[in-house]
Amino acid sequence: MSVPDFECRLKKYRLLKDLTQEQLAAQVGVRRETIMRLEKAQYNPSLKLAIDISRVVEAPIEEIFVFK
């Protein structure tokens, strides 16, 4: 399985909102492991998940997920 070619800045925005991985996961309806994999850029999110995360952390999708 290939690793997505993108940089994920989710951890930065999650911490700015003072959210744990568990809290963010609960708010967007995924497991904490999914958030962990996103933060390590090991998982390419669906559009719906990217939008949900963007809304929770109040940052534009293109600032959180930077595709090369």
C-alpha atoms as a PDB file:
ATOM      1  CA  MET A   1       0.000   0.000   0.000  1.00  0.00           C
ATOM      2  CA  SER A   2       1.438   3.376  -0.955  1.00  0.00           C
ATOM      3  CA  VAL A   3       1.529   6.309   1.420  1.00  0.00           C
ATOM      4  CA  PRO A   4      -0.512   9.342   0.305  1.00  0.00           C
ATOM      5  CA  ASP A   5       1.629  12.153  -1.096  1.00  0.00           C
ATOM      6  CA  PHE A   6       0.509  14.875   1.250  1.00  0.00           C
ATOM      7  CA  GLU A   7       1.437  16.771   4.370  1.00  0.00           C
ATOM      8  CA  CYS A   8      -1.053  16.736   7.200  1.00  0.00           C
ATOM      9  CA  ARG A   9      -1.137  19.669   9.613  1.00  0.00           C
ATOM     10  CA  LEU A  10      -4.058  18.298  11.590  1.00  0.00           C
ATOM     11  CA  LYS A  11      -2.166  17.972  14.874  1.00  0.00           C
ATOM     12  CA  LYS A  12      -1.339  21.691  14.837  1.00  0.00           C
ATOM     13  CA  TYR A  13      -4.976  22.700  14.352  1.00  0.00           C
ATOM     14  CA  ARG A  14      -6.270  20.075  16.785  1.00  0.00           C
ATOM     15  CA  LEU A  15      -3.957  21.372  19.508  1.00  0.00           C
ATOM     16  CA  LEU A  16      -4.990  24.969  18.810  1.00  0.00           C
ATOM     17  CA  LYS A  17      -8.557  23.870  19.661  1.00  0.00           C
ATOM     18  CA  ASP A  18      -7.271  22.043  22.759  1.00  0.00           C
ATOM     19  CA  LEU A  19      -8.697  18.740  21.535  1.00  0.00           C
ATOM     20  CA  THR A  20      -7.320  15.260  22.146  1.00  0.00           C
ATOM     21  CA  GLN A  21      -7.255  12.749  19.312  1.00  0.00           C
ATOM     22  CA  GLU A  22     -10.096  10.940  21.090  1.00  0.00           C
ATOM     23  CA  GLN A  23     -12.239  14.089  21.336  1.00  0.00           C
ATOM     24  CA  LEU A  24     -11.731  14.997  17.688  1.00  0.00           C
ATOM     25  CA  ALA A  25     -12.453  11.428  16.617  1.00  0.00           C
ATOM     26  CA  ALA A  26     -15.732  11.433  18.560  1.00  0.00           C
ATOM     27  CA  GLN A  27     -16.794  14.738  16.998  1.00  0.00           C
ATOM     28  CA  VAL A  28     -16.191  13.545  13.433  1.00  0.00           C
ATOM     29  CA  GLY A  29     -17.378   9.972  13.916  1.00  0.00           C
ATOM     30  CA  VAL A  30     -14.172   7.979  13.487  1.00  0.00           C
ATOM     31  CA  ARG A  31     -11.833   6.024  15.759  1.00  0.00           C
ATOM     32  CA  ARG A  32      -8.870   7.666  17.486  1.00  0.00           C
ATOM     33  CA  GLU A  33      -6.578   5.475  15.378  1.00  0.00           C
ATOM     34  CA  THR A  34      -7.899   7.177  12.241  1.00  0.00           C
ATOM     35  CA  ILE A  35      -6.933  10.593  13.618  1.00  0.00           C
ATOM     36  CA  MET A  36      -3.520   9.225  14.598  1.00  0.00           C
ATOM     37  CA  ARG A  37      -2.956   7.842  11.076  1.00  0.00           C
ATOM     38  CA  LEU A  38      -4.088  11.134   9.524  1.00  0.00           C
ATOM     39  CA  GLU A  39      -1.659  13.105  11.682  1.00  0.00           C
ATOM     40  CA  LYS A  40       1.168  10.828  10.516  1.00  0.00           C
ATOM     41  CA  ALA A  41       0.044  11.272   6.873  1.00  0.00           C
ATOM     42  CA  GLN A  42      -0.520   7.513   6.648  1.00  0.00           C
ATOM     43  CA  TYR A  43      -4.152   7.830   5.621  1.00  0.00           C
ATOM     44  CA  ASN A  44      -5.823   9.801   2.847  1.00  0.00           C
ATOM     45  CA  PRO A  45      -9.149  11.100   4.203  1.00  0.00           C
ATOM     46  CA  SER A  46     -12.431  10.989   2.349  1.00  0.00           C
ATOM     47  CA  LEU A  47     -13.833  14.337   1.290  1.00  0.00           C
ATOM     48  CA  LYS A  48     -16.581  14.052   3.912  1.00  0.00           C
ATOM     49  CA  LEU A  49     -14.070  13.354   6.702  1.00  0.00           C
ATOM     50  CA  ALA A  50     -11.849  16.227   5.556  1.00  0.00           C
ATOM     51  CA  ILE A  51     -14.833  18.593   5.590  1.00  0.00           C
ATOM     52  CA  ASP A  52     -15.970  17.382   9.018  1.00  0.00           C
ATOM     53  CA  ILE A  53     -12.479  17.851  10.460  1.00  0.00           C
ATOM     54  CA  SER A  54     -12.184  21.275   8.843  1.00  0.00           C
ATOM     55  CA  ARG A  55     -15.417  22.386  10.494  1.00  0.00           C
ATOM     56  CA  VAL A  56     -14.446  21.109  13.944  1.00  0.00           C
ATOM     57  CA  VAL A  57     -10.970  22.683  13.978  1.00  0.00           C
ATOM     58  CA  GLU A  58     -12.219  25.771  12.120  1.00  0.00           C
ATOM     59  CA  ALA A  59      -9.502  25.760   9.465  1.00  0.00           C
ATOM     60  CA  PRO A  60      -9.668  25.461   5.661  1.00  0.00           C
ATOM     61  CA  ILE A  61      -9.209  21.946   4.293  1.00  0.00           C
ATOM     62  CA  GLU A  62      -6.306  23.087   2.134  1.00  0.00           C
ATOM     63  CA  GLU A  63      -4.489  24.355   5.262  1.00  0.00           C
ATOM     64  CA  ILE A  64      -4.930  21.029   7.079  1.00  0.00           C
ATOM     65  CA  PHE A  65      -4.253  18.645   4.186  1.00  0.00           C
ATOM     66  CA  VAL A  66      -1.586  19.881   1.785  1.00  0.00           C
ATOM     67  CA  PHE A  67      -1.343  17.685  -1.303  1.00  0.00           C
ATOM     68  CA  LYS A  68       1.915  17.849  -3.236  1.00  0.00           C
END
